[in-house]
Amino acid sequence: MVMLWILNSISKDLVGSFFYATTAREHWLELGERYGESNRSMIYQIKRRIASILQENLSVMTYYNKFVISYRK
């Protein structure tokens, strides 16, 4: 049941890369390794990108879209 919950919580684009794991614990450890705090360089880069975005004279909608696009890079 836990394994299904984990797989259903993952983006459909990523589920295929988790099928090799046979237990919920293996899934959980893999998620932690990929997306946990151990990836500090990626966290730093995302925070830097977010901090560099300025609204200036943009409308709220344009600013929001700029923010979302920057987050996805």
N, C-alpha and C. Protein backbone atom coordinates (compact mmCIF):
# COMPACT_ATOMS: atom_id res chain seq x y z
N MET A 1 0.83 -1.19 0.00
CA MET A 1 0.00 0.00 0.00
C MET A 1 0.88 1.26 0.00
N VAL A 2 1.92 1.27 0.82
CA VAL A 2 2.81 2.43 0.89
C VAL A 2 3.53 2.63 -0.44
N MET A 3 3.95 1.54 -1.08
CA MET A 3 4.64 1.64 -2.36
C MET A 3 3.72 2.28 -3.41
N LEU A 4 2.47 1.91 -3.43
CA LEU A 4 1.52 2.51 -4.37
C LEU A 4 1.30 3.99 -4.07
N TRP A 5 1.25 4.34 -2.81
CA TRP A 5 1.08 5.74 -2.44
C TRP A 5 2.27 6.56 -2.94
N ILE A 6 3.48 6.03 -2.75
CA ILE A 6 4.68 6.73 -3.21
C ILE A 6 4.65 6.88 -4.74
N LEU A 7 4.37 5.80 -5.45
CA LEU A 7 4.33 5.86 -6.92
C LEU A 7 3.25 6.80 -7.43
N ASN A 8 2.11 6.84 -6.76
CA ASN A 8 1.04 7.74 -7.17
C ASN A 8 1.34 9.20 -6.84
N SER A 9 2.30 9.43 -5.94
CA SER A 9 2.68 10.78 -5.55
C SER A 9 3.74 11.38 -6.47
N ILE A 10 4.38 10.54 -7.24
CA ILE A 10 5.46 10.97 -8.13
C ILE A 10 4.87 11.43 -9.47
N SER A 11 5.50 12.42 -10.06
CA SER A 11 5.10 12.87 -11.39
C SER A 11 5.08 11.68 -12.35
N LYS A 12 4.10 11.63 -13.20
CA LYS A 12 3.96 10.50 -14.13
C LYS A 12 5.18 10.37 -15.04
N ASP A 13 5.88 11.47 -15.31
CA ASP A 13 7.08 11.43 -16.14
C ASP A 13 8.22 10.69 -15.46
N LEU A 14 8.21 10.62 -14.13
CA LEU A 14 9.31 10.03 -13.39
C LEU A 14 9.05 8.61 -12.90
N VAL A 15 7.82 8.19 -12.92
CA VAL A 15 7.44 6.89 -12.34
C VAL A 15 8.26 5.75 -12.94
N GLY A 16 8.51 5.78 -14.24
CA GLY A 16 9.22 4.70 -14.90
C GLY A 16 10.60 4.44 -14.33
N SER A 17 11.24 5.49 -13.83
CA SER A 17 12.59 5.31 -13.30
C SER A 17 12.59 4.74 -11.89
N PHE A 18 11.42 4.48 -11.32
CA PHE A 18 11.33 3.93 -9.97
C PHE A 18 10.83 2.49 -9.95
N PHE A 19 10.58 1.89 -11.10
CA PHE A 19 10.02 0.55 -11.12
C PHE A 19 11.00 -0.54 -10.71
N TYR A 20 12.29 -0.24 -10.73
CA TYR A 20 13.27 -1.25 -10.34
C TYR A 20 13.23 -1.57 -8.85
N ALA A 21 12.77 -0.61 -8.04
CA ALA A 21 12.71 -0.81 -6.58
C ALA A 21 11.58 -1.80 -6.26
N THR A 22 11.85 -2.65 -5.31
CA THR A 22 10.86 -3.69 -4.99
C THR A 22 10.14 -3.47 -3.67
N THR A 23 10.63 -2.52 -2.85
CA THR A 23 9.98 -2.25 -1.57
C THR A 23 9.73 -0.75 -1.42
N ALA A 24 8.83 -0.41 -0.53
CA ALA A 24 8.55 1.00 -0.25
C ALA A 24 9.79 1.69 0.30
N ARG A 25 10.57 0.97 1.10
CA ARG A 25 11.80 1.56 1.66
C ARG A 25 12.78 1.92 0.56
N GLU A 26 12.94 1.07 -0.45
CA GLU A 26 13.84 1.36 -1.57
C GLU A 26 13.38 2.60 -2.32
N HIS A 27 12.06 2.71 -2.53
CA HIS A 27 11.51 3.90 -3.19
C HIS A 27 11.82 5.15 -2.37
N TRP A 28 11.56 5.07 -1.08
CA TRP A 28 11.76 6.22 -0.19
C TRP A 28 13.22 6.66 -0.17
N LEU A 29 14.13 5.70 -0.07
CA LEU A 29 15.56 6.03 -0.06
C LEU A 29 16.00 6.66 -1.38
N GLU A 30 15.50 6.15 -2.48
CA GLU A 30 15.83 6.70 -3.80
C GLU A 30 15.32 8.13 -3.93
N LEU A 31 14.11 8.38 -3.48
CA LEU A 31 13.57 9.75 -3.52
C LEU A 31 14.41 10.69 -2.67
N GLY A 32 14.80 10.22 -1.49
CA GLY A 32 15.63 11.04 -0.62
C GLY A 32 16.98 11.34 -1.24
N GLU A 33 17.54 10.35 -1.91
CA GLU A 33 18.84 10.54 -2.55
C GLU A 33 18.75 11.53 -3.71
N ARG A 34 17.68 11.42 -4.49
CA ARG A 34 17.52 12.29 -5.66
C ARG A 34 17.10 13.71 -5.30
N TYR A 35 16.14 13.82 -4.39
CA TYR A 35 15.52 15.12 -4.16
C TYR A 35 15.64 15.63 -2.73
N GLY A 36 16.37 14.94 -1.90
CA GLY A 36 16.53 15.35 -0.51
C GLY A 36 17.49 16.51 -0.36
N GLU A 37 17.74 16.88 0.86
CA GLU A 37 18.61 18.01 1.16
C GLU A 37 20.05 17.77 0.75
N SER A 38 20.40 16.55 0.43
CA SER A 38 21.78 16.27 0.07
C SER A 38 22.19 16.95 -1.23
N ASN A 39 21.23 17.40 -2.01
CA ASN A 39 21.54 18.07 -3.26
C ASN A 39 21.59 19.58 -3.02
N ARG A 40 22.50 20.00 -2.19
CA ARG A 40 22.61 21.40 -1.78
C ARG A 40 22.95 22.34 -2.94
N SER A 41 23.72 21.87 -3.91
CA SER A 41 24.08 22.75 -5.02
C SER A 41 22.86 23.13 -5.84
N MET A 42 21.94 22.17 -6.05
CA MET A 42 20.72 22.47 -6.79
C MET A 42 19.84 23.43 -5.99
N ILE A 43 19.73 23.21 -4.69
CA ILE A 43 18.94 24.09 -3.83
C ILE A 43 19.51 25.50 -3.88
N TYR A 44 20.82 25.62 -3.82
CA TYR A 44 21.47 26.94 -3.89
C TYR A 44 21.17 27.63 -5.21
N GLN A 45 21.26 26.89 -6.33
CA GLN A 45 20.99 27.47 -7.64
C GLN A 45 19.55 27.95 -7.75
N ILE A 46 18.60 27.18 -7.26
CA ILE A 46 17.19 27.56 -7.30
C ILE A 46 16.96 28.81 -6.46
N LYS A 47 17.52 28.84 -5.26
CA LYS A 47 17.36 30.02 -4.39
C LYS A 47 17.96 31.26 -5.04
N ARG A 48 19.13 31.10 -5.69
CA ARG A 48 19.76 32.24 -6.37
C ARG A 48 18.88 32.76 -7.50
N ARG A 49 18.31 31.84 -8.30
CA ARG A 49 17.43 32.24 -9.40
C ARG A 49 16.20 32.98 -8.89
N ILE A 50 15.60 32.46 -7.81
CA ILE A 50 14.41 33.08 -7.24
C ILE A 50 14.74 34.47 -6.71
N ALA A 51 15.87 34.60 -6.04
CA ALA A 51 16.27 35.89 -5.46
C ALA A 51 16.59 36.91 -6.54
N SER A 52 16.97 36.47 -7.72
CA SER A 52 17.36 37.41 -8.77
C SER A 52 16.17 37.97 -9.56
N ILE A 53 15.00 37.41 -9.37
CA ILE A 53 13.83 37.86 -10.12
C ILE A 53 13.25 39.11 -9.46
N LEU A 54 13.10 40.14 -10.27
CA LEU A 54 12.54 41.40 -9.78
C LEU A 54 11.25 41.72 -10.53
N GLN A 55 10.27 42.28 -9.83
CA GLN A 55 9.02 42.62 -10.48
C GLN A 55 9.17 43.87 -11.34
N GLU A 56 9.96 44.83 -10.86
CA GLU A 56 10.16 46.10 -11.55
C GLU A 56 8.81 46.67 -11.96
N ASN A 57 8.62 46.95 -13.24
CA ASN A 57 7.35 47.54 -13.67
C ASN A 57 6.44 46.53 -14.36
N LEU A 58 6.68 45.24 -14.13
CA LEU A 58 5.85 44.20 -14.73
C LEU A 58 4.52 44.08 -14.00
N SER A 59 3.50 43.66 -14.75
CA SER A 59 2.22 43.37 -14.10
C SER A 59 2.40 42.14 -13.22
N VAL A 60 1.49 41.93 -12.30
CA VAL A 60 1.58 40.78 -11.41
C VAL A 60 1.55 39.48 -12.21
N MET A 61 0.72 39.41 -13.24
CA MET A 61 0.61 38.20 -14.06
C MET A 61 1.92 37.93 -14.80
N THR A 62 2.51 38.94 -15.40
CA THR A 62 3.78 38.77 -16.11
C THR A 62 4.89 38.38 -15.15
N TYR A 63 4.91 39.03 -13.99
CA TYR A 63 5.91 38.71 -12.97
C TYR A 63 5.76 37.26 -12.50
N TYR A 64 4.56 36.84 -12.27
CA TYR A 64 4.30 35.47 -11.84
C TYR A 64 4.78 34.48 -12.90
N ASN A 65 4.45 34.74 -14.16
CA ASN A 65 4.88 33.85 -15.25
C ASN A 65 6.40 33.80 -15.35
N LYS A 66 7.05 34.93 -15.18
CA LYS A 66 8.52 34.99 -15.19
C LYS A 66 9.07 34.12 -14.06
N PHE A 67 8.44 34.19 -12.91
CA PHE A 67 8.85 33.42 -11.75
C PHE A 67 8.70 31.93 -12.00
N VAL A 68 7.57 31.53 -12.53
CA VAL A 68 7.28 30.10 -12.80
C VAL A 68 8.25 29.57 -13.85
N ILE A 69 8.49 30.32 -14.90
CA ILE A 69 9.40 29.87 -15.96
C ILE A 69 10.80 29.70 -15.38
N SER A 70 11.22 30.62 -14.54
CA SER A 70 12.55 30.54 -13.94
C SER A 70 12.67 29.31 -13.04
N TYR A 71 11.60 28.99 -12.33
CA TYR A 71 11.61 27.84 -11.43
C TYR A 71 11.77 26.53 -12.20
N ARG A 72 11.16 26.44 -13.38
CA ARG A 72 11.18 25.21 -14.16
C ARG A 72 12.50 24.96 -14.87
N LYS A 73 13.36 25.94 -14.98
CA LYS A 73 14.63 25.76 -15.72
C LYS A 73 15.56 24.85 -15.00
